[in-house]
PDB file of N, CA and C in Angstrom:
ATOM      1  N   MET A   1      88.373  33.757  15.793  1.00  0.00           N
ATOM      2  CA  MET A   1      89.508  32.900  16.096  1.00  0.00           C
ATOM      3  C   MET A   1      89.360  32.510  17.573  1.00  0.00           C
ATOM      4  N   ASN A   2      89.604  31.325  17.866  1.00  0.00           N
ATOM      5  CA  ASN A   2      89.594  30.740  19.112  1.00  0.00           C
ATOM      6  C   ASN A   2      91.034  30.637  19.609  1.00  0.00           C
ATOM      7  N   LEU A   3      91.373  31.465  20.374  1.00  0.00           N
ATOM      8  CA  LEU A   3      92.758  31.370  20.926  1.00  0.00           C
ATOM      9  C   LEU A   3      92.810  30.560  22.187  1.00  0.00           C
ATOM     10  N   ARG A   4      93.631  29.641  22.289  1.00  0.00           N
ATOM     11  CA  ARG A   4      93.604  28.794  23.466  1.00  0.00           C
ATOM     12  C   ARG A   4      95.043  28.766  24.056  1.00  0.00           C
ATOM     13  N   SER A   5      94.954  28.735  25.369  1.00  0.00           N
ATOM     14  CA  SER A   5      96.337  28.798  26.074  1.00  0.00           C
ATOM     15  C   SER A   5      96.905  27.444  25.976  1.00  0.00           C
ATOM     16  N   MET A   6      98.167  27.246  26.506  1.00  0.00           N
ATOM     17  CA  MET A   6      98.811  25.962  26.438  1.00  0.00           C
ATOM     18  C   MET A   6      97.980  24.840  27.081  1.00  0.00           C
ATOM     19  N   ASN A   7      97.095  25.133  28.121  1.00  0.00           N
ATOM     20  CA  ASN A   7      96.376  24.177  28.736  1.00  0.00           C
ATOM     21  C   ASN A   7      95.020  23.702  28.023  1.00  0.00           C
ATOM     22  N   GLY A   8      94.806  24.375  26.916  1.00  0.00           N
ATOM     23  CA  GLY A   8      93.649  24.047  26.212  1.00  0.00           C
ATOM     24  C   GLY A   8      92.433  24.866  26.372  1.00  0.00           C
ATOM     25  N   ILE A   9      92.479  25.690  27.486  1.00  0.00           N
ATOM     26  CA  ILE A   9      91.358  26.476  27.859  1.00  0.00           C
ATOM     27  C   ILE A   9      91.244  27.862  26.946  1.00  0.00           C
ATOM     28  N   ARG A  10      90.139  28.151  26.495  1.00  0.00           N
ATOM     29  CA  ARG A  10      89.914  29.298  25.718  1.00  0.00           C
ATOM     30  C   ARG A  10      90.313  30.597  26.492  1.00  0.00           C
ATOM     31  N   ARG A  11      91.095  31.379  25.943  1.00  0.00           N
ATOM     32  CA  ARG A  11      91.620  32.631  26.610  1.00  0.00           C
ATOM     33  C   ARG A  11      90.411  33.629  26.662  1.00  0.00           C
ATOM     34  N   ARG A  12      90.221  34.161  27.798  1.00  0.00           N
ATOM     35  CA  ARG A  12      89.063  35.223  27.861  1.00  0.00           C
ATOM     36  C   ARG A  12      89.809  36.491  28.055  1.00  0.00           C
ATOM     37  N   ASP A  13      89.711  37.329  26.997  1.00  0.00           N
ATOM     38  CA  ASP A  13      90.345  38.598  27.006  1.00  0.00           C
ATOM     39  C   ASP A  13      89.461  39.823  26.731  1.00  0.00           C
ATOM     40  N   ARG A  14      88.141  39.538  26.775  1.00  0.00           N
ATOM     41  CA  ARG A  14      87.153  40.566  26.557  1.00  0.00           C
ATOM     42  C   ARG A  14      86.457  40.831  27.962  1.00  0.00           C
ATOM     43  N   THR A  15      86.064  42.181  28.249  1.00  0.00           N
ATOM     44  CA  THR A  15      85.445  42.561  29.409  1.00  0.00           C
ATOM     45  C   THR A  15      84.113  43.180  29.125  1.00  0.00           C
ATOM     46  N   MET A  16      83.013  42.717  29.905  1.00  0.00           N
ATOM     47  CA  MET A  16      81.653  43.356  29.728  1.00  0.00           C
ATOM     48  C   MET A  16      81.483  44.103  30.985  1.00  0.00           C
ATOM     49  N   VAL A  17      80.788  45.235  30.911  1.00  0.00           N
ATOM     50  CA  VAL A  17      80.568  46.060  32.172  1.00  0.00           C
ATOM     51  C   VAL A  17      79.017  46.408  32.072  1.00  0.00           C
ATOM     52  N   PHE A  18      78.395  46.228  33.109  1.00  0.00           N
ATOM     53  CA  PHE A  18      76.845  46.730  33.268  1.00  0.00           C
ATOM     54  C   PHE A  18      76.734  47.044  34.634  1.00  0.00           C
ATOM     55  N   ARG A  19      75.607  48.027  34.921  1.00  0.00           N
ATOM     56  CA  ARG A  19      75.363  48.391  36.240  1.00  0.00           C
ATOM     57  C   ARG A  19      74.113  47.718  36.773  1.00  0.00           C
ATOM     58  N   LEU A  20      74.214  47.456  38.098  1.00  0.00           N
ATOM     59  CA  LEU A  20      73.016  46.815  38.818  1.00  0.00           C
ATOM     60  C   LEU A  20      72.632  47.593  40.012  1.00  0.00           C
ATOM     61  N   SER A  21      71.403  47.422  40.395  1.00  0.00           N
ATOM     62  CA  SER A  21      70.987  48.099  41.558  1.00  0.00           C
ATOM     63  C   SER A  21      71.427  47.139  42.684  1.00  0.00           C
ATOM     64  N   GLN A  22      71.384  47.596  43.967  1.00  0.00           N
ATOM     65  CA  GLN A  22      71.879  46.770  45.140  1.00  0.00           C
ATOM     66  C   GLN A  22      71.068  45.545  45.150  1.00  0.00           C
ATOM     67  N   ASP A  23      69.667  45.577  45.021  1.00  0.00           N
ATOM     68  CA  ASP A  23      68.816  44.408  44.986  1.00  0.00           C
ATOM     69  C   ASP A  23      69.115  43.485  43.941  1.00  0.00           C
ATOM     70  N   GLU A  24      69.479  43.865  42.692  1.00  0.00           N
ATOM     71  CA  GLU A  24      69.874  43.022  41.640  1.00  0.00           C
ATOM     72  C   GLU A  24      71.166  42.369  42.014  1.00  0.00           C
ATOM     73  N   TYR A  25      72.156  43.027  42.484  1.00  0.00           N
ATOM     74  CA  TYR A  25      73.455  42.528  42.964  1.00  0.00           C
ATOM     75  C   TYR A  25      73.253  41.411  43.953  1.00  0.00           C
ATOM     76  N   GLU A  26      72.463  41.709  45.033  1.00  0.00           N
ATOM     77  CA  GLU A  26      72.243  40.720  46.033  1.00  0.00           C
ATOM     78  C   GLU A  26      71.424  39.478  45.556  1.00  0.00           C
ATOM     79  N   SER A  27      70.469  39.677  44.505  1.00  0.00           N
ATOM     80  CA  SER A  27      69.815  38.423  43.886  1.00  0.00           C
ATOM     81  C   SER A  27      70.866  37.685  43.205  1.00  0.00           C
ATOM     82  N   LEU A  28      71.712  38.294  42.470  1.00  0.00           N
ATOM     83  CA  LEU A  28      73.012  37.565  41.721  1.00  0.00           C
ATOM     84  C   LEU A  28      73.799  36.825  42.634  1.00  0.00           C
ATOM     85  N   LEU A  29      74.184  37.437  43.834  1.00  0.00           N
ATOM     86  CA  LEU A  29      74.963  36.792  44.755  1.00  0.00           C
ATOM     87  C   LEU A  29      74.338  35.600  45.340  1.00  0.00           C
ATOM     88  N   ALA A  30      73.055  35.631  45.701  1.00  0.00           N
ATOM     89  CA  ALA A  30      72.353  34.525  46.191  1.00  0.00           C
ATOM     90  C   ALA A  30      72.116  33.361  45.070  1.00  0.00           C
ATOM     91  N   ALA A  31      71.910  33.771  43.890  1.00  0.00           N
ATOM     92  CA  ALA A  31      71.775  32.772  42.892  1.00  0.00           C
ATOM     93  C   ALA A  31      73.098  32.140  42.519  1.00  0.00           C
ATOM     94  N   THR A  32      74.223  32.815  42.645  1.00  0.00           N
ATOM     95  CA  THR A  32      75.480  32.240  42.442  1.00  0.00           C
ATOM     96  C   THR A  32      75.808  31.256  43.541  1.00  0.00           C
ATOM     97  N   SER A  33      75.530  31.649  44.777  1.00  0.00           N
ATOM     98  CA  SER A  33      75.751  30.740  45.937  1.00  0.00           C
ATOM     99  C   SER A  33      74.919  29.454  45.795  1.00  0.00           C
ATOM    100  N   GLU A  34      73.672  29.639  45.566  1.00  0.00           N
ATOM    101  CA  GLU A  34      72.684  28.613  45.464  1.00  0.00           C
ATOM    102  C   GLU A  34      73.050  27.570  44.350  1.00  0.00           C
ATOM    103  N   SER A  35      73.636  28.110  43.275  1.00  0.00           N
ATOM    104  CA  SER A  35      73.996  27.186  42.199  1.00  0.00           C
ATOM    105  C   SER A  35      75.452  26.571  42.303  1.00  0.00           C
ATOM    106  N   GLY A  36      76.066  27.093  43.325  1.00  0.00           N
ATOM    107  CA  GLY A  36      77.445  26.593  43.508  1.00  0.00           C
ATOM    108  C   GLY A  36      78.473  27.116  42.607  1.00  0.00           C
ATOM    109  N   GLY A  37      78.166  28.375  42.006  1.00  0.00           N
ATOM    110  CA  GLY A  37      79.109  29.008  41.177  1.00  0.00           C
ATOM    111  C   GLY A  37      80.292  29.418  41.844  1.00  0.00           C
ATOM    112  N   ARG A  38      81.458  29.545  41.001  1.00  0.00           N
ATOM    113  CA  ARG A  38      82.691  29.975  41.666  1.00  0.00           C
ATOM    114  C   ARG A  38      82.695  31.383  41.925  1.00  0.00           C
ATOM    115  N   SER A  39      82.014  32.111  41.077  1.00  0.00           N
ATOM    116  CA  SER A  39      82.007  33.581  41.171  1.00  0.00           C
ATOM    117  C   SER A  39      80.831  34.185  40.446  1.00  0.00           C
ATOM    118  N   ILE A  40      80.384  35.488  40.803  1.00  0.00           N
ATOM    119  CA  ILE A  40      79.330  36.025  40.017  1.00  0.00           C
ATOM    120  C   ILE A  40      79.627  36.127  38.606  1.00  0.00           C
ATOM    121  N   SER A  41      80.873  36.536  38.186  1.00  0.00           N
ATOM    122  CA  SER A  41      81.289  36.528  36.946  1.00  0.00           C
ATOM    123  C   SER A  41      81.016  35.259  36.172  1.00  0.00           C
ATOM    124  N   ASP A  42      81.403  34.096  36.740  1.00  0.00           N
ATOM    125  CA  ASP A  42      81.243  32.785  36.176  1.00  0.00           C
ATOM    126  C   ASP A  42      79.831  32.515  36.023  1.00  0.00           C
ATOM    127  N   PHE A  43      79.051  32.746  36.996  1.00  0.00           N
ATOM    128  CA  PHE A  43      77.568  32.511  36.957  1.00  0.00           C
ATOM    129  C   PHE A  43      76.941  33.320  35.890  1.00  0.00           C
ATOM    130  N   ILE A  44      77.213  34.654  35.745  1.00  0.00           N
ATOM    131  CA  ILE A  44      76.579  35.376  34.723  1.00  0.00           C
ATOM    132  C   ILE A  44      77.114  35.004  33.294  1.00  0.00           C
ATOM    133  N   ARG A  45      78.365  34.693  33.264  1.00  0.00           N
ATOM    134  CA  ARG A  45      78.853  34.225  31.852  1.00  0.00           C
ATOM    135  C   ARG A  45      78.143  32.960  31.434  1.00  0.00           C
ATOM    136  N   THR A  46      77.968  31.910  32.375  1.00  0.00           N
ATOM    137  CA  THR A  46      77.439  30.728  32.028  1.00  0.00           C
ATOM    138  C   THR A  46      75.922  30.907  31.705  1.00  0.00           C
ATOM    139  N   ALA A  47      75.170  31.821  32.439  1.00  0.00           N
ATOM    140  CA  ALA A  47      73.756  31.960  32.152  1.00  0.00           C
ATOM    141  C   ALA A  47      73.596  32.775  30.766  1.00  0.00           C
ATOM    142  N   VAL A  48      74.368  33.723  30.492  1.00  0.00           N
ATOM    143  CA  VAL A  48      74.239  34.488  29.228  1.00  0.00           C
ATOM    144  C   VAL A  48      74.569  33.662  28.041  1.00  0.00           C
ATOM    145  N   LEU A  49      75.765  32.861  28.114  1.00  0.00           N
ATOM    146  CA  LEU A  49      76.152  31.978  27.079  1.00  0.00           C
ATOM    147  C   LEU A  49      75.164  30.878  26.826  1.00  0.00           C
ATOM    148  N   ALA A  50      74.479  30.384  27.866  1.00  0.00           N
ATOM    149  CA  ALA A  50      73.543  29.338  27.785  1.00  0.00           C
ATOM    150  C   ALA A  50      72.296  29.826  26.889  1.00  0.00           C
ATOM    151  N   THR A  51      71.869  31.084  27.222  1.00  0.00           N
ATOM    152  CA  THR A  51      70.786  31.743  26.635  1.00  0.00           C
ATOM    153  C   THR A  51      71.157  32.004  25.088  1.00  0.00           C
ATOM    154  N   VAL A  52      72.334  32.412  24.827  1.00  0.00           N
ATOM    155  CA  VAL A  52      72.687  32.654  23.398  1.00  0.00           C
ATOM    156  C   VAL A  52      72.810  31.300  22.666  1.00  0.00           C
ATOM    157  N   GLU A  53      73.348  30.251  23.245  1.00  0.00           N
ATOM    158  CA  GLU A  53      73.534  29.052  22.603  1.00  0.00           C
ATOM    159  C   GLU A  53      72.303  28.258  22.529  1.00  0.00           C
ATOM    160  N   SER A  54      71.228  28.544  23.288  1.00  0.00           N
ATOM    161  CA  SER A  54      69.964  27.961  23.014  1.00  0.00           C
ATOM    162  C   SER A  54      69.143  28.490  21.959  1.00  0.00           C
ATOM    163  N   GLY A  55      69.580  29.628  21.330  1.00  0.00           N
ATOM    164  CA  GLY A  55      68.942  30.164  20.113  1.00  0.00           C
ATOM    165  C   GLY A  55      67.633  30.890  20.521  1.00  0.00           C
ATOM    166  N   LEU A  56      67.452  31.110  21.781  1.00  0.00           N
ATOM    167  CA  LEU A  56      66.203  31.876  22.157  1.00  0.00           C
ATOM    168  C   LEU A  56      66.278  33.259  21.520  1.00  0.00           C
ATOM    169  N   ASP A  57      65.197  33.758  21.045  1.00  0.00           N
ATOM    170  CA  ASP A  57      65.076  35.141  20.615  1.00  0.00           C
ATOM    171  C   ASP A  57      65.310  36.087  21.832  1.00  0.00           C
ATOM    172  N   HIS A  58      65.248  37.348  21.495  1.00  0.00           N
ATOM    173  CA  HIS A  58      65.551  38.295  22.542  1.00  0.00           C
ATOM    174  C   HIS A  58      64.250  38.943  22.939  1.00  0.00           C
ATOM    175  N   LYS A  59      63.182  38.372  22.823  1.00  0.00           N
ATOM    176  CA  LYS A  59      61.932  38.883  23.282  1.00  0.00           C
ATOM    177  C   LYS A  59      61.867  38.948  24.749  1.00  0.00           C
ATOM    178  N   SER A  60      61.078  39.858  25.313  1.00  0.00           N
ATOM    179  CA  SER A  60      61.066  39.957  26.732  1.00  0.00           C
ATOM    180  C   SER A  60      60.207  38.819  27.326  1.00  0.00           C
ATOM    181  N   THR A  61      60.274  38.555  28.538  1.00  0.00           N
ATOM    182  CA  THR A  61      59.515  37.399  29.167  1.00  0.00           C
ATOM    183  C   THR A  61      58.120  37.713  29.058  1.00  0.00           C
ATOM    184  N   PRO A  62      57.567  38.872  29.319  1.00  0.00           N
ATOM    185  CA  PRO A  62      56.144  39.123  29.173  1.00  0.00           C
ATOM    186  C   PRO A  62      55.751  38.892  27.770  1.00  0.00           C
ATOM    187  N   GLY A  63      56.506  39.276  26.833  1.00  0.00           N
ATOM    188  CA  GLY A  63      56.246  39.163  25.386  1.00  0.00           C
ATOM    189  C   GLY A  63      56.065  37.686  24.983  1.00  0.00           C
ATOM    190  N   ARG A  64      57.011  36.827  25.550  1.00  0.00           N
ATOM    191  CA  ARG A  64      56.946  35.427  25.324  1.00  0.00           C
ATOM    192  C   ARG A  64      55.737  34.833  26.011  1.00  0.00           C
ATOM    193  N   LEU A  65      55.354  35.272  27.190  1.00  0.00           N
ATOM    194  CA  LEU A  65      54.251  34.822  27.824  1.00  0.00           C
ATOM    195  C   LEU A  65      52.919  35.197  27.076  1.00  0.00           C
ATOM    196  N   ARG A  66      52.815  36.327  26.565  1.00  0.00           N
ATOM    197  CA  ARG A  66      51.659  36.646  25.693  1.00  0.00           C
ATOM    198  C   ARG A  66      51.569  35.771  24.517  1.00  0.00           C
ATOM    199  N   GLU A  67      52.758  35.467  23.812  1.00  0.00           N
ATOM    200  CA  GLU A  67      52.614  34.601  22.697  1.00  0.00           C
ATOM    201  C   GLU A  67      52.219  33.289  23.056  1.00  0.00           C
ATOM    202  N   LEU A  68      52.685  32.767  24.219  1.00  0.00           N
ATOM    203  CA  LEU A  68      52.304  31.404  24.570  1.00  0.00           C
ATOM    204  C   LEU A  68      50.849  31.325  24.986  1.00  0.00           C
ATOM    205  N   GLU A  69      50.410  32.371  25.590  1.00  0.00           N
ATOM    206  CA  GLU A  69      48.931  32.388  25.929  1.00  0.00           C
ATOM    207  C   GLU A  69      48.122  32.452  24.640  1.00  0.00           C
ATOM    208  N   GLN A  70      48.498  33.156  23.643  1.00  0.00           N
ATOM    209  CA  GLN A  70      47.732  33.161  22.385  1.00  0.00           C
ATOM    210  C   GLN A  70      47.784  31.673  21.698  1.00  0.00           C
ATOM    211  N   ARG A  71      48.966  31.000  21.768  1.00  0.00           N
ATOM    212  CA  ARG A  71      49.027  29.766  21.180  1.00  0.00           C
ATOM    213  C   ARG A  71      48.195  28.747  21.900  1.00  0.00           C
ATOM    214  N   VAL A  72      48.100  28.916  23.321  1.00  0.00           N
ATOM    215  CA  VAL A  72      47.201  27.956  24.042  1.00  0.00           C
ATOM    216  C   VAL A  72      45.753  28.228  23.770  1.00  0.00           C
ATOM    217  N   ARG A  73      45.355  29.519  23.651  1.00  0.00           N
ATOM    218  CA  ARG A  73      43.936  29.792  23.276  1.00  0.00           C
ATOM    219  C   ARG A  73      43.602  29.167  21.897  1.00  0.00           C
ATOM    220  N   LYS A  74      44.526  29.252  20.997  1.00  0.00           N
ATOM    221  CA  LYS A  74      44.260  28.654  19.699  1.00  0.00           C
ATOM    222  C   LYS A  74      44.111  27.086  19.791  1.00  0.00           C
ATOM    223  N   LEU A  75      44.875  26.467  20.485  1.00  0.00           N
ATOM    224  CA  LEU A  75      44.885  25.131  20.738  1.00  0.00           C
ATOM    225  C   LEU A  75      43.543  24.735  21.456  1.00  0.00           C
ATOM    226  N   GLU A  76      43.130  25.556  22.499  1.00  0.00           N
ATOM    227  CA  GLU A  76      41.848  25.264  23.214  1.00  0.00           C
ATOM    228  C   GLU A  76      40.711  25.361  22.197  1.00  0.00           C
ATOM    229  N   THR A  77      40.729  26.268  21.379  1.00  0.00           N
ATOM    230  CA  THR A  77      39.624  26.628  20.342  1.00  0.00           C
ATOM    231  C   THR A  77      39.585  25.490  19.396  1.00  0.00           C
ATOM    232  N   ALA A  78      40.690  25.004  18.941  1.00  0.00           N
ATOM    233  CA  ALA A  78      40.707  23.950  17.967  1.00  0.00           C
ATOM    234  C   ALA A  78      40.339  22.679  18.685  1.00  0.00           C
ATOM    235  N   TYR A  79      40.678  22.362  19.828  1.00  0.00           N
ATOM    236  CA  TYR A  79      40.308  21.211  20.594  1.00  0.00           C
ATOM    237  C   TYR A  79      38.721  21.189  20.804  1.00  0.00           C
ATOM    238  N   LEU A  80      38.223  22.302  21.216  1.00  0.00           N
ATOM    239  CA  LEU A  80      36.723  22.381  21.451  1.00  0.00           C
ATOM    240  C   LEU A  80      35.969  22.194  20.251  1.00  0.00           C
ATOM    241  N   GLY A  81      36.573  22.685  19.078  1.00  0.00           N
ATOM    242  CA  GLY A  81      35.904  22.480  17.795  1.00  0.00           C
ATOM    243  C   GLY A  81      35.944  20.970  17.388  1.00  0.00           C
ATOM    244  N   LEU A  82      37.040  20.239  17.745  1.00  0.00           N
ATOM    245  CA  LEU A  82      37.088  18.864  17.448  1.00  0.00           C
ATOM    246  C   LEU A  82      36.048  18.160  18.327  1.00  0.00           C
ATOM    247  N   LEU A  83      36.029  18.533  19.490  1.00  0.00           N
ATOM    248  CA  LEU A  83      35.014  17.807  20.468  1.00  0.00           C
ATOM    249  C   LEU A  83      33.501  18.080  19.976  1.00  0.00           C
ATOM    250  N   LYS A  84      33.181  19.239  19.467  1.00  0.00           N
ATOM    251  CA  LYS A  84      31.852  19.475  18.982  1.00  0.00           C
ATOM    252  C   LYS A  84      31.617  18.582  17.714  1.00  0.00           C
ATOM    253  N   GLU A  85      32.608  18.558  16.818  1.00  0.00           N
ATOM    254  CA  GLU A  85      32.418  17.686  15.645  1.00  0.00           C
ATOM    255  C   GLU A  85      32.138  16.339  15.956  1.00  0.00           C
ATOM    256  N   GLY A  86      32.754  15.751  17.123  1.00  0.00           N
ATOM    257  CA  GLY A  86      32.690  14.341  17.370  1.00  0.00           C
ATOM    258  C   GLY A  86      31.433  14.074  18.164  1.00  0.00           C
ATOM    259  N   ALA A  87      30.843  15.094  18.710  1.00  0.00           N
ATOM    260  CA  ALA A  87      29.622  14.897  19.621  1.00  0.00           C
ATOM    261  C   ALA A  87      28.332  14.620  18.886  1.00  0.00           C
TER     262      ALA A  87
END
């Protein structure tokens, strides 16, 4: 159910809590400032929802990189095979 206030903005009535190291917190502060975000909360909400809405799976970045490397290797092999056939 999308409850909206009288001004048409979706009401946010849920809270998420997670812990950060001091370095992680400072990185988020810097990223929020660099992006022009209003607050860390707004910055994190936007980033998380963008990830969810983009339909990305929840694999780790190293896992995604390994998968991309494998796909590139397959493409290189196929390309070299085509070159040999044409030579």
